[in-house]
C-alpha atoms as a PDB file:
ATOM      1  CA  UNK A   1     279.237  77.099 176.569  1.00  0.00           C
ATOM      2  CA  UNK A   2     277.921  73.636 176.932  1.00  0.00           C
ATOM      3  CA  UNK A   3     277.718  72.383 180.335  1.00  0.00           C
ATOM      4  CA  UNK A   4     278.811  68.608 180.615  1.00  0.00           C
ATOM      5  CA  UNK A   5     280.586  66.926 183.633  1.00  0.00           C
ATOM      6  CA  UNK A   6     283.448  65.692 181.513  1.00  0.00           C
ATOM      7  CA  UNK A   7     284.032  69.193 179.967  1.00  0.00           C
ATOM      8  CA  UNK A   8     284.099  70.417 183.613  1.00  0.00           C
ATOM      9  CA  UNK A   9     286.364  67.830 184.773  1.00  0.00           C
ATOM     10  CA  UNK A  10     288.854  68.186 181.688  1.00  0.00           C
ATOM     11  CA  UNK A  11     288.915  71.944 182.056  1.00  0.00           C
ATOM     12  CA  UNK A  12     289.714  71.682 185.617  1.00  0.00           C
ATOM     13  CA  UNK A  13     292.616  68.813 185.330  1.00  0.00           C
ATOM     14  CA  UNK A  14     294.148  70.685 182.229  1.00  0.00           C
ATOM     15  CA  UNK A  15     294.614  73.905 184.440  1.00  0.00           C
ATOM     16  CA  UNK A  16     296.196  71.856 187.250  1.00  0.00           C
ATOM     17  CA  UNK A  17     298.433  70.440 184.680  1.00  0.00           C
ATOM     18  CA  UNK A  18     299.163  74.064 183.307  1.00  0.00           C
ATOM     19  CA  UNK A  19     300.155  75.207 186.596  1.00  0.00           C
ATOM     20  CA  UNK A  20     302.237  72.174 187.720  1.00  0.00           C
ATOM     21  CA  UNK A  21     304.182  72.161 184.222  1.00  0.00           C
ATOM     22  CA  UNK A  22     305.466  75.468 184.576  1.00  0.00           C
ATOM     23  CA  UNK A  23     306.379  75.002 188.017  1.00  0.00           C
ATOM     24  CA  UNK A  24     308.432  71.823 187.427  1.00  0.00           C
ATOM     25  CA  UNK A  25     309.935  73.513 184.297  1.00  0.00           C
ATOM     26  CA  UNK A  26     311.112  76.365 186.381  1.00  0.00           C
ATOM     27  CA  UNK A  27     312.887  73.876 188.686  1.00  0.00           C
ATOM     28  CA  UNK A  28     314.135  71.917 185.679  1.00  0.00           C
ATOM     29  CA  UNK A  29     315.809  75.056 184.502  1.00  0.00           C
ATOM     30  CA  UNK A  30     317.685  75.316 187.709  1.00  0.00           C
ATOM     31  CA  UNK A  31     318.517  71.991 187.843  1.00  0.00           C
ATOM     32  CA  UNK A  32     320.073  72.151 184.262  1.00  0.00           C
ATOM     33  CA  UNK A  33     322.199  74.916 185.032  1.00  0.00           C
ATOM     34  CA  UNK A  34     323.181  73.879 188.683  1.00  0.00           C
ATOM     35  CA  UNK A  35     322.878  70.297 189.122  1.00  0.00           C
ATOM     36  CA  UNK A  36     326.070  68.754 190.227  1.00  0.00           C
ATOM     37  CA  UNK A  37     326.245  65.631 192.521  1.00  0.00           C
ATOM     38  CA  UNK A  38     329.903  66.223 193.382  1.00  0.00           C
ATOM     39  CA  UNK A  39     329.069  69.149 195.574  1.00  0.00           C
ATOM     40  CA  UNK A  40     327.173  68.923 198.635  1.00  0.00           C
ATOM     41  CA  UNK A  41     325.811  72.702 198.548  1.00  0.00           C
ATOM     42  CA  UNK A  42     322.742  73.729 200.313  1.00  0.00           C
ATOM     43  CA  UNK A  43     321.278  74.400 196.834  1.00  0.00           C
ATOM     44  CA  UNK A  44     322.361  70.788 195.544  1.00  0.00           C
ATOM     45  CA  UNK A  45     320.695  69.084 198.462  1.00  0.00           C
ATOM     46  CA  UNK A  46     317.550  71.005 198.278  1.00  0.00           C
ATOM     47  CA  UNK A  47     317.260  70.262 194.339  1.00  0.00           C
ATOM     48  CA  UNK A  48     317.770  66.310 195.165  1.00  0.00           C
ATOM     49  CA  UNK A  49     314.778  66.547 197.798  1.00  0.00           C
ATOM     50  CA  UNK A  50     312.727  68.362 195.079  1.00  0.00           C
ATOM     51  CA  UNK A  51     313.298  66.388 191.846  1.00  0.00           C
ATOM     52  CA  UNK A  52     311.978  63.144 193.535  1.00  0.00           C
ATOM     53  CA  UNK A  53     308.821  64.738 194.285  1.00  0.00           C
ATOM     54  CA  UNK A  54     308.507  66.820 191.426  1.00  0.00           C
ATOM     55  CA  UNK A  55     309.219  63.839 189.312  1.00  0.00           C
ATOM     56  CA  UNK A  56     306.705  61.331 191.184  1.00  0.00           C
ATOM     57  CA  UNK A  57     303.987  64.313 190.837  1.00  0.00           C
ATOM     58  CA  UNK A  58     304.658  64.790 186.992  1.00  0.00           C
ATOM     59  CA  UNK A  59     304.552  60.983 186.209  1.00  0.00           C
ATOM     60  CA  UNK A  60     300.981  61.146 187.933  1.00  0.00           C
ATOM     61  CA  UNK A  61     300.130  64.326 185.768  1.00  0.00           C
ATOM     62  CA  UNK A  62     301.659  63.519 182.718  1.00  0.00           C
ATOM     63  CA  UNK A  63     299.757  60.309 182.890  1.00  0.00           C
ATOM     64  CA  UNK A  64     296.527  61.897 183.004  1.00  0.00           C
ATOM     65  CA  UNK A  65     297.754  63.781 179.834  1.00  0.00           C
ATOM     66  CA  UNK A  66     297.932  60.456 177.882  1.00  0.00           C
ATOM     67  CA  UNK A  67     294.477  59.618 179.211  1.00  0.00           C
ATOM     68  CA  UNK A  68     292.892  63.183 178.218  1.00  0.00           C
ATOM     69  CA  UNK A  69     293.386  62.438 174.414  1.00  0.00           C
ATOM     70  CA  UNK A  70     290.973  59.508 174.524  1.00  0.00           C
ATOM     71  CA  UNK A  71     288.823  61.361 176.889  1.00  0.00           C
ATOM     72  CA  UNK A  72     288.836  64.647 174.449  1.00  0.00           C
ATOM     73  CA  UNK A  73     287.591  62.415 171.682  1.00  0.00           C
ATOM     74  CA  UNK A  74     285.101  60.291 173.643  1.00  0.00           C
ATOM     75  CA  UNK A  75     283.517  63.701 175.272  1.00  0.00           C
ATOM     76  CA  UNK A  76     283.567  64.993 171.459  1.00  0.00           C
ATOM     77  CA  UNK A  77     281.418  62.133 170.251  1.00  0.00           C
ATOM     78  CA  UNK A  78     279.125  62.022 173.249  1.00  0.00           C
ATOM     79  CA  UNK A  79     278.283  65.582 172.654  1.00  0.00           C
ATOM     80  CA  UNK A  80     277.184  64.862 168.951  1.00  0.00           C
ATOM     81  CA  UNK A  81     273.518  64.893 169.681  1.00  0.00           C
ATOM     82  CA  UNK A  82     274.046  68.478 170.926  1.00  0.00           C
ATOM     83  CA  UNK A  83     274.580  69.690 167.272  1.00  0.00           C
ATOM     84  CA  UNK A  84     272.627  69.903 164.192  1.00  0.00           C
ATOM     85  CA  UNK A  85     274.797  67.880 161.520  1.00  0.00           C
ATOM     86  CA  UNK A  86     277.104  66.280 163.728  1.00  0.00           C
ATOM     87  CA  UNK A  87     276.941  62.441 163.466  1.00  0.00           C
ATOM     88  CA  UNK A  88     280.200  61.851 165.535  1.00  0.00           C
ATOM     89  CA  UNK A  89     283.336  63.326 167.026  1.00  0.00           C
ATOM     90  CA  UNK A  90     284.496  65.070 163.729  1.00  0.00           C
ATOM     91  CA  UNK A  91     281.327  67.054 163.798  1.00  0.00           C
ATOM     92  CA  UNK A  92     281.549  67.854 167.253  1.00  0.00           C
ATOM     93  CA  UNK A  93     285.225  69.284 166.842  1.00  0.00           C
ATOM     94  CA  UNK A  94     284.352  71.191 163.803  1.00  0.00           C
ATOM     95  CA  UNK A  95     281.943  73.146 165.749  1.00  0.00           C
ATOM     96  CA  UNK A  96     284.398  75.955 165.999  1.00  0.00           C
ATOM     97  CA  UNK A  97     288.080  76.535 164.918  1.00  0.00           C
ATOM     98  CA  UNK A  98     289.571  75.218 168.058  1.00  0.00           C
ATOM     99  CA  UNK A  99     288.425  71.858 168.227  1.00  0.00           C
ATOM    100  CA  UNK A 100     290.772  69.785 165.695  1.00  0.00           C
ATOM    101  CA  UNK A 101     294.007  72.476 166.604  1.00  0.00           C
ATOM    102  CA  UNK A 102     293.417  71.175 170.104  1.00  0.00           C
ATOM    103  CA  UNK A 103     293.087  67.526 169.058  1.00  0.00           C
ATOM    104  CA  UNK A 104     296.472  68.012 166.947  1.00  0.00           C
ATOM    105  CA  UNK A 105     298.314  69.541 170.214  1.00  0.00           C
ATOM    106  CA  UNK A 106     297.113  66.801 172.427  1.00  0.00           C
ATOM    107  CA  UNK A 107     298.327  63.832 169.978  1.00  0.00           C
ATOM    108  CA  UNK A 108     301.837  65.672 169.924  1.00  0.00           C
ATOM    109  CA  UNK A 109     301.669  66.154 173.820  1.00  0.00           C
ATOM    110  CA  UNK A 110     300.739  62.525 174.163  1.00  0.00           C
ATOM    111  CA  UNK A 111     303.797  61.145 172.389  1.00  0.00           C
ATOM    112  CA  UNK A 112     306.259  63.618 174.196  1.00  0.00           C
ATOM    113  CA  UNK A 113     304.599  62.901 177.499  1.00  0.00           C
ATOM    114  CA  UNK A 114     305.206  59.386 177.042  1.00  0.00           C
ATOM    115  CA  UNK A 115     308.689  59.451 176.186  1.00  0.00           C
ATOM    116  CA  UNK A 116     309.398  61.669 179.232  1.00  0.00           C
ATOM    117  CA  UNK A 117     307.658  59.266 181.424  1.00  0.00           C
ATOM    118  CA  UNK A 118     309.982  56.531 179.761  1.00  0.00           C
ATOM    119  CA  UNK A 119     313.006  58.771 180.389  1.00  0.00           C
ATOM    120  CA  UNK A 120     312.440  59.440 183.889  1.00  0.00           C
ATOM    121  CA  UNK A 121     311.738  55.721 184.674  1.00  0.00           C
ATOM    122  CA  UNK A 122     314.981  55.142 183.155  1.00  0.00           C
ATOM    123  CA  UNK A 123     316.637  58.018 184.931  1.00  0.00           C
ATOM    124  CA  UNK A 124     315.180  56.654 188.306  1.00  0.00           C
ATOM    125  CA  UNK A 125     317.104  53.346 187.767  1.00  0.00           C
ATOM    126  CA  UNK A 126     320.333  54.865 187.858  1.00  0.00           C
ATOM    127  CA  UNK A 127     322.010  55.352 191.404  1.00  0.00           C
ATOM    128  CA  UNK A 128     323.594  58.887 190.068  1.00  0.00           C
ATOM    129  CA  UNK A 129     320.450  60.244 188.350  1.00  0.00           C
ATOM    130  CA  UNK A 130     322.512  60.333 184.882  1.00  0.00           C
ATOM    131  CA  UNK A 131     319.493  61.522 182.731  1.00  0.00           C
ATOM    132  CA  UNK A 132     318.064  64.282 185.128  1.00  0.00           C
ATOM    133  CA  UNK A 133     319.428  66.976 182.754  1.00  0.00           C
ATOM    134  CA  UNK A 134     318.242  65.557 179.778  1.00  0.00           C
ATOM    135  CA  UNK A 135     314.689  64.929 181.274  1.00  0.00           C
ATOM    136  CA  UNK A 136     314.146  68.233 182.418  1.00  0.00           C
ATOM    137  CA  UNK A 137     315.187  69.487 178.947  1.00  0.00           C
ATOM    138  CA  UNK A 138     312.496  67.576 177.512  1.00  0.00           C
ATOM    139  CA  UNK A 139     309.971  68.668 180.118  1.00  0.00           C
ATOM    140  CA  UNK A 140     310.843  72.437 178.998  1.00  0.00           C
ATOM    141  CA  UNK A 141     310.244  71.551 175.608  1.00  0.00           C
ATOM    142  CA  UNK A 142     306.862  69.841 176.424  1.00  0.00           C
ATOM    143  CA  UNK A 143     305.655  72.814 178.775  1.00  0.00           C
ATOM    144  CA  UNK A 144     304.283  75.147 175.916  1.00  0.00           C
ATOM    145  CA  UNK A 145     302.628  72.077 174.334  1.00  0.00           C
ATOM    146  CA  UNK A 146     300.742  71.413 177.605  1.00  0.00           C
ATOM    147  CA  UNK A 147     300.175  75.147 177.971  1.00  0.00           C
ATOM    148  CA  UNK A 148     299.041  75.318 174.191  1.00  0.00           C
ATOM    149  CA  UNK A 149     296.585  72.394 174.922  1.00  0.00           C
ATOM    150  CA  UNK A 150     294.979  73.667 178.028  1.00  0.00           C
ATOM    151  CA  UNK A 151     294.483  77.153 175.953  1.00  0.00           C
ATOM    152  CA  UNK A 152     293.301  75.373 172.790  1.00  0.00           C
ATOM    153  CA  UNK A 153     290.861  72.884 174.802  1.00  0.00           C
ATOM    154  CA  UNK A 154     289.360  75.665 177.058  1.00  0.00           C
ATOM    155  CA  UNK A 155     288.578  77.837 173.961  1.00  0.00           C
ATOM    156  CA  UNK A 156     286.985  74.971 172.199  1.00  0.00           C
ATOM    157  CA  UNK A 157     284.899  74.034 175.295  1.00  0.00           C
ATOM    158  CA  UNK A 158     284.072  77.484 175.888  1.00  0.00           C
ATOM    159  CA  UNK A 159     282.869  78.628 172.498  1.00  0.00           C
ATOM    160  CA  UNK A 160     280.828  75.406 172.028  1.00  0.00           C
ATOM    161  CA  UNK A 161     277.057  76.893 171.059  1.00  0.00           C
ATOM    162  CA  UNK A 162     274.339  74.195 170.839  1.00  0.00           C
ATOM    163  CA  UNK A 163     272.615  76.024 168.177  1.00  0.00           C
ATOM    164  CA  UNK A 164     275.298  75.902 165.517  1.00  0.00           C
ATOM    165  CA  UNK A 165     274.741  73.799 162.533  1.00  0.00           C
ATOM    166  CA  UNK A 166     278.051  71.666 161.829  1.00  0.00           C
ATOM    167  CA  UNK A 167     279.325  69.424 159.149  1.00  0.00           C
ATOM    168  CA  UNK A 168     278.986  65.705 159.273  1.00  0.00           C
ATOM    169  CA  UNK A 169     281.969  63.492 158.700  1.00  0.00           C
ATOM    170  CA  UNK A 170     280.759  62.376 155.390  1.00  0.00           C
ATOM    171  CA  UNK A 171     281.498  66.040 154.364  1.00  0.00           C
ATOM    172  CA  UNK A 172     284.719  66.671 156.312  1.00  0.00           C
ATOM    173  CA  UNK A 173     286.181  63.402 154.705  1.00  0.00           C
ATOM    174  CA  UNK A 174     285.356  63.197 151.423  1.00  0.00           C
ATOM    175  CA  UNK A 175     287.839  63.080 148.570  1.00  0.00           C
ATOM    176  CA  UNK A 176     286.400  66.751 146.988  1.00  0.00           C
ATOM    177  CA  UNK A 177     286.783  68.517 150.519  1.00  0.00           C
ATOM    178  CA  UNK A 178     289.937  70.358 149.411  1.00  0.00           C
ATOM    179  CA  UNK A 179     292.021  69.837 152.358  1.00  0.00           C
ATOM    180  CA  UNK A 180     295.090  67.317 153.426  1.00  0.00           C
ATOM    181  CA  UNK A 181     292.531  64.743 154.296  1.00  0.00           C
ATOM    182  CA  UNK A 182     291.168  64.837 150.789  1.00  0.00           C
ATOM    183  CA  UNK A 183     294.801  63.914 149.359  1.00  0.00           C
ATOM    184  CA  UNK A 184     294.559  60.677 151.598  1.00  0.00           C
ATOM    185  CA  UNK A 185     291.526  59.465 150.608  1.00  0.00           C
ATOM    186  CA  UNK A 186     291.845  60.197 146.829  1.00  0.00           C
ATOM    187  CA  UNK A 187     295.073  58.430 146.860  1.00  0.00           C
ATOM    188  CA  UNK A 188     294.801  55.025 145.040  1.00  0.00           C
ATOM    189  CA  UNK A 189     293.730  52.310 147.480  1.00  0.00           C
ATOM    190  CA  UNK A 190     295.747  49.487 146.151  1.00  0.00           C
ATOM    191  CA  UNK A 191     299.081  51.649 146.157  1.00  0.00           C
ATOM    192  CA  UNK A 192     298.079  52.715 149.752  1.00  0.00           C
ATOM    193  CA  UNK A 193     297.598  49.244 151.053  1.00  0.00           C
ATOM    194  CA  UNK A 194     300.884  48.441 149.569  1.00  0.00           C
ATOM    195  CA  UNK A 195     302.787  51.227 151.287  1.00  0.00           C
ATOM    196  CA  UNK A 196     301.125  50.434 154.654  1.00  0.00           C
ATOM    197  CA  UNK A 197     301.935  46.397 154.645  1.00  0.00           C
ATOM    198  CA  UNK A 198     305.411  47.213 152.991  1.00  0.00           C
ATOM    199  CA  UNK A 199     306.561  49.624 155.861  1.00  0.00           C
ATOM    200  CA  UNK A 200     304.714  47.753 158.594  1.00  0.00           C
ATOM    201  CA  UNK A 201     306.528  44.422 157.417  1.00  0.00           C
ATOM    202  CA  UNK A 202     309.950  46.294 157.596  1.00  0.00           C
ATOM    203  CA  UNK A 203     309.221  48.072 160.943  1.00  0.00           C
ATOM    204  CA  UNK A 204     308.530  44.697 162.557  1.00  0.00           C
ATOM    205  CA  UNK A 205     311.496  43.300 160.870  1.00  0.00           C
ATOM    206  CA  UNK A 206     313.674  45.745 162.111  1.00  0.00           C
ATOM    207  CA  UNK A 207     312.489  45.591 165.381  1.00  0.00           C
ATOM    208  CA  UNK A 208     313.111  41.991 165.412  1.00  0.00           C
ATOM    209  CA  UNK A 209     316.696  42.519 164.373  1.00  0.00           C
ATOM    210  CA  UNK A 210     317.128  45.016 167.040  1.00  0.00           C
ATOM    211  CA  UNK A 211     315.580  42.951 169.564  1.00  0.00           C
ATOM    212  CA  UNK A 212     317.832  39.818 168.699  1.00  0.00           C
ATOM    213  CA  UNK A 213     321.043  41.856 167.930  1.00  0.00           C
ATOM    214  CA  UNK A 214     320.854  44.965 170.154  1.00  0.00           C
ATOM    215  CA  UNK A 215     321.844  46.829 166.822  1.00  0.00           C
ATOM    216  CA  UNK A 216     320.004  49.462 164.549  1.00  0.00           C
ATOM    217  CA  UNK A 217     317.918  51.047 167.189  1.00  0.00           C
ATOM    218  CA  UNK A 218     317.750  54.331 165.396  1.00  0.00           C
ATOM    219  CA  UNK A 219     316.478  52.979 162.282  1.00  0.00           C
ATOM    220  CA  UNK A 220     313.696  50.984 164.011  1.00  0.00           C
ATOM    221  CA  UNK A 221     312.961  54.234 165.882  1.00  0.00           C
ATOM    222  CA  UNK A 222     312.509  56.323 162.772  1.00  0.00           C
ATOM    223  CA  UNK A 223     310.671  53.352 161.287  1.00  0.00           C
ATOM    224  CA  UNK A 224     308.045  53.040 164.066  1.00  0.00           C
ATOM    225  CA  UNK A 225     307.403  57.101 163.459  1.00  0.00           C
ATOM    226  CA  UNK A 226     307.176  56.792 159.608  1.00  0.00           C
ATOM    227  CA  UNK A 227     305.018  53.732 160.026  1.00  0.00           C
ATOM    228  CA  UNK A 228     302.645  55.462 162.865  1.00  0.00           C
ATOM    229  CA  UNK A 229     302.227  58.442 160.326  1.00  0.00           C
ATOM    230  CA  UNK A 230     301.287  56.085 157.263  1.00  0.00           C
ATOM    231  CA  UNK A 231     299.034  54.156 159.751  1.00  0.00           C
ATOM    232  CA  UNK A 232     297.264  57.301 160.380  1.00  0.00           C
ATOM    233  CA  UNK A 233     296.746  57.897 156.819  1.00  0.00           C
ATOM    234  CA  UNK A 234     295.910  54.448 155.973  1.00  0.00           C
ATOM    235  CA  UNK A 235     293.112  54.370 158.532  1.00  0.00           C
ATOM    236  CA  UNK A 236     291.517  57.594 156.700  1.00  0.00           C
ATOM    237  CA  UNK A 237     292.529  55.981 153.365  1.00  0.00           C
ATOM    238  CA  UNK A 238     291.098  52.726 153.032  1.00  0.00           C
ATOM    239  CA  UNK A 239     290.984  50.915 156.670  1.00  0.00           C
ATOM    240  CA  UNK A 240     287.744  52.905 157.853  1.00  0.00           C
ATOM    241  CA  UNK A 241     285.842  51.664 154.539  1.00  0.00           C
ATOM    242  CA  UNK A 242     286.138  48.025 155.485  1.00  0.00           C
ATOM    243  CA  UNK A 243     284.536  48.853 158.909  1.00  0.00           C
ATOM    244  CA  UNK A 244     281.877  50.926 157.466  1.00  0.00           C
ATOM    245  CA  UNK A 245     281.549  49.093 154.393  1.00  0.00           C
ATOM    246  CA  UNK A 246     280.559  52.334 152.278  1.00  0.00           C
ATOM    247  CA  UNK A 247     282.786  53.300 149.786  1.00  0.00           C
ATOM    248  CA  UNK A 248     282.887  57.087 150.536  1.00  0.00           C
ATOM    249  CA  UNK A 249     282.824  56.899 154.234  1.00  0.00           C
ATOM    250  CA  UNK A 250     286.636  57.717 155.421  1.00  0.00           C
ATOM    251  CA  UNK A 251     285.966  58.973 158.799  1.00  0.00           C
ATOM    252  CA  UNK A 252     288.651  58.138 161.513  1.00  0.00           C
ATOM    253  CA  UNK A 253     286.053  58.762 164.338  1.00  0.00           C
ATOM    254  CA  UNK A 254     282.900  56.750 163.668  1.00  0.00           C
ATOM    255  CA  UNK A 255     284.856  53.245 164.230  1.00  0.00           C
ATOM    256  CA  UNK A 256     285.018  54.543 168.088  1.00  0.00           C
ATOM    257  CA  UNK A 257     281.071  54.127 168.154  1.00  0.00           C
ATOM    258  CA  UNK A 258     279.158  51.537 169.826  1.00  0.00           C
ATOM    259  CA  UNK A 259     277.775  50.362 166.522  1.00  0.00           C
ATOM    260  CA  UNK A 260     281.477  49.196 165.371  1.00  0.00           C
ATOM    261  CA  UNK A 261     281.818  47.659 168.899  1.00  0.00           C
ATOM    262  CA  UNK A 262     284.269  50.585 169.731  1.00  0.00           C
ATOM    263  CA  UNK A 263     286.764  48.759 167.810  1.00  0.00           C
ATOM    264  CA  UNK A 264     288.485  52.230 167.295  1.00  0.00           C
ATOM    265  CA  UNK A 265     289.988  52.151 170.858  1.00  0.00           C
ATOM    266  CA  UNK A 266     291.995  49.193 170.437  1.00  0.00           C
ATOM    267  CA  UNK A 267     293.076  50.170 167.086  1.00  0.00           C
ATOM    268  CA  UNK A 268     294.316  53.553 168.078  1.00  0.00           C
ATOM    269  CA  UNK A 269     295.617  52.431 171.702  1.00  0.00           C
ATOM    270  CA  UNK A 270     297.714  49.524 169.762  1.00  0.00           C
ATOM    271  CA  UNK A 271     298.886  52.084 167.206  1.00  0.00           C
ATOM    272  CA  UNK A 272     299.761  55.091 169.787  1.00  0.00           C
ATOM    273  CA  UNK A 273     301.245  52.472 172.096  1.00  0.00           C
ATOM    274  CA  UNK A 274     303.476  50.666 169.470  1.00  0.00           C
ATOM    275  CA  UNK A 275     304.549  54.103 168.433  1.00  0.00           C
ATOM    276  CA  UNK A 276     305.581  55.348 171.931  1.00  0.00           C
ATOM    277  CA  UNK A 277     307.344  52.386 172.837  1.00  0.00           C
ATOM    278  CA  UNK A 278     309.375  51.820 169.784  1.00  0.00           C
ATOM    279  CA  UNK A 279     310.218  55.866 169.672  1.00  0.00           C
ATOM    280  CA  UNK A 280     311.477  55.274 173.180  1.00  0.00           C
ATOM    281  CA  UNK A 281     313.696  52.321 172.578  1.00  0.00           C
ATOM    282  CA  UNK A 282     315.404  54.135 170.136  1.00  0.00           C
ATOM    283  CA  UNK A 283     315.584  57.409 172.010  1.00  0.00           C
ATOM    284  CA  UNK A 284     317.485  55.655 174.812  1.00  0.00           C
ATOM    285  CA  UNK A 285     320.073  54.378 172.588  1.00  0.00           C
ATOM    286  CA  UNK A 286     322.649  57.273 173.250  1.00  0.00           C
ATOM    287  CA  UNK A 287     322.440  56.545 176.934  1.00  0.00           C
ATOM    288  CA  UNK A 288     323.945  52.812 177.037  1.00  0.00           C
ATOM    289  CA  UNK A 289     327.267  54.172 177.753  1.00  0.00           C
ATOM    290  CA  UNK A 290     326.397  55.382 181.207  1.00  0.00           C
ATOM    291  CA  UNK A 291     327.939  53.300 183.860  1.00  0.00           C
ATOM    292  CA  UNK A 292     324.923  53.443 186.279  1.00  0.00           C
ATOM    293  CA  UNK A 293     322.590  52.121 183.450  1.00  0.00           C
ATOM    294  CA  UNK A 294     324.640  49.406 181.758  1.00  0.00           C
ATOM    295  CA  UNK A 295     322.551  47.050 183.402  1.00  0.00           C
ATOM    296  CA  UNK A 296     319.171  47.970 183.548  1.00  0.00           C
ATOM    297  CA  UNK A 297     318.961  49.934 180.146  1.00  0.00           C
ATOM    298  CA  UNK A 298     319.493  47.214 177.874  1.00  0.00           C
ATOM    299  CA  UNK A 299     316.511  45.320 179.319  1.00  0.00           C
ATOM    300  CA  UNK A 300     314.462  48.402 179.242  1.00  0.00           C
ATOM    301  CA  UNK A 301     315.263  48.717 175.563  1.00  0.00           C
ATOM    302  CA  UNK A 302     314.328  45.168 175.046  1.00  0.00           C
ATOM    303  CA  UNK A 303     311.086  45.502 176.800  1.00  0.00           C
ATOM    304  CA  UNK A 304     309.983  48.492 174.862  1.00  0.00           C
ATOM    305  CA  UNK A 305     310.942  47.049 171.497  1.00  0.00           C
ATOM    306  CA  UNK A 306     309.034  43.699 172.145  1.00  0.00           C
ATOM    307  CA  UNK A 307     306.118  45.827 173.334  1.00  0.00           C
ATOM    308  CA  UNK A 308     306.262  47.922 170.309  1.00  0.00           C
ATOM    309  CA  UNK A 309     306.539  45.003 167.862  1.00  0.00           C
ATOM    310  CA  UNK A 310     303.782  43.258 169.627  1.00  0.00           C
ATOM    311  CA  UNK A 311     301.444  46.104 169.599  1.00  0.00           C
ATOM    312  CA  UNK A 312     302.010  46.966 165.925  1.00  0.00           C
ATOM    313  CA  UNK A 313     301.521  43.289 164.961  1.00  0.00           C
ATOM    314  CA  UNK A 314     298.375  43.281 166.903  1.00  0.00           C
ATOM    315  CA  UNK A 315     297.261  46.592 165.257  1.00  0.00           C
ATOM    316  CA  UNK A 316     297.903  44.991 161.878  1.00  0.00           C
ATOM    317  CA  UNK A 317     295.953  41.917 162.907  1.00  0.00           C
ATOM    318  CA  UNK A 318     293.010  43.763 163.990  1.00  0.00           C
ATOM    319  CA  UNK A 319     292.808  45.608 160.772  1.00  0.00           C
ATOM    320  CA  UNK A 320     293.861  42.888 158.519  1.00  0.00           C
ATOM    321  CA  UNK A 321     291.156  40.745 159.722  1.00  0.00           C
ATOM    322  CA  UNK A 322     288.446  42.986 159.142  1.00  0.00           C
ATOM    323  CA  UNK A 323     289.754  43.617 155.433  1.00  0.00           C
ATOM    324  CA  UNK A 324     289.640  39.610 154.861  1.00  0.00           C
ATOM    325  CA  UNK A 325     286.239  38.885 156.434  1.00  0.00           C
ATOM    326  CA  UNK A 326     284.270  42.305 155.695  1.00  0.00           C
ATOM    327  CA  UNK A 327     281.509  41.859 153.019  1.00  0.00           C
ATOM    328  CA  UNK A 328     282.950  45.057 151.492  1.00  0.00           C
ATOM    329  CA  UNK A 329     284.380  44.546 148.069  1.00  0.00           C
ATOM    330  CA  UNK A 330     286.604  47.560 146.846  1.00  0.00           C
ATOM    331  CA  UNK A 331     287.293  48.195 143.236  1.00  0.00           C
ATOM    332  CA  UNK A 332     291.043  48.644 143.923  1.00  0.00           C
ATOM    333  CA  UNK A 333     291.282  52.068 142.255  1.00  0.00           C
END
């Protein structure tokens, strides 16, 4: 195992989360089965006391889970000099078979934890905890991902060996690598650009319609998710090329490096932030009928929608600016 302060801190924090999440899920299961505000039983009083404490603790714990995604990639990038062949986080993550699976699980967990924090925030606005069962059902669903994240991350870090020769990102993200990434890199650039800008325009347009008319929430939320997936593919397919100015360099990690001004962090922050807020706005739509939320919920949805539109627009502006002013000229195949 490679000893590094950030590795030790991430493993410790992950184990803490893997203890707290099942504990909260256990009481969440009791709440789902036994919660009833119309009863004044001893169990109900105990659950009311515990739910506030658990919700507060989980907000901070799951908040760290969000940070851990970026910290994981940042740590992997900082470890690149320890492995022969690694030039960025991509090479470090491919040192063993647990690196990329841990990253994928972290991405899913990031989205789920963000949605839970939104749901919990809305629930706390209602005087009768109207969403308490739903947020704990979501928590129970998230817990396996948190445990899987802890296990995969631990296995990845514990199996890091400095004498391993790994692959560079140029090898992993080239068109003939025979994996799903090769399909993205070999897809015609002009067609991918058309798809990206079309879905982004339609998503922002649907968001503006939802923001103004308060209709079409489900369509907007679905469009946000699809745009998120297409945007990730676009970063690999063509956006990255304009930063590296090399026609064969499709790595989605190198843009996080200092020589590119750490531009990858605002790119991914706006993309993930826009996705979570947009999906969250649509997720809350069914709860507008709850009397205790009839005042606050429309305001929260409106804010989430605005944030999603703003962040997706900012993401588009950042990458488009580079495409326009880059010295790189693609042949448009």
